[in-house]
Amino acid sequence: MKKTLGIIIKSIFVLIVASWVILIVVEYFRYQKNEPMLVVLKEETKSYTDGHVYIYHGLGYKSIIYNRTSIYGKEFGPFFIQVKEEIPRK
């Protein structure tokens, strides 16, 4: 009985992790096609004097869209990526 319960719990865990990874891959390809995210837990908008930055939080990842005159573009990455305040100097 304990062995069967352990197998069931491990199977459920693997299924959850696999589903999460598939979701991240789907979200990334939607991001590449400029389509909206499927799962948005939180939306933020930061206003600057030269435009706006839109931040969309998902399940462990986020998408950032820069619509400013100094920075224009988009990013997709893990939940801990930071919003660029200015253009990085080389």
Foldseek 3Di string as FASTA:
>chain_A
DVVVVVVVVVVVVVVVVVVVVVLLVVQVVCVVVVHDRPAFPDWDWDDDPFGIKIWTDGDQKIKIADDGPQDGDIDIGGPPDDDDPGDDDD
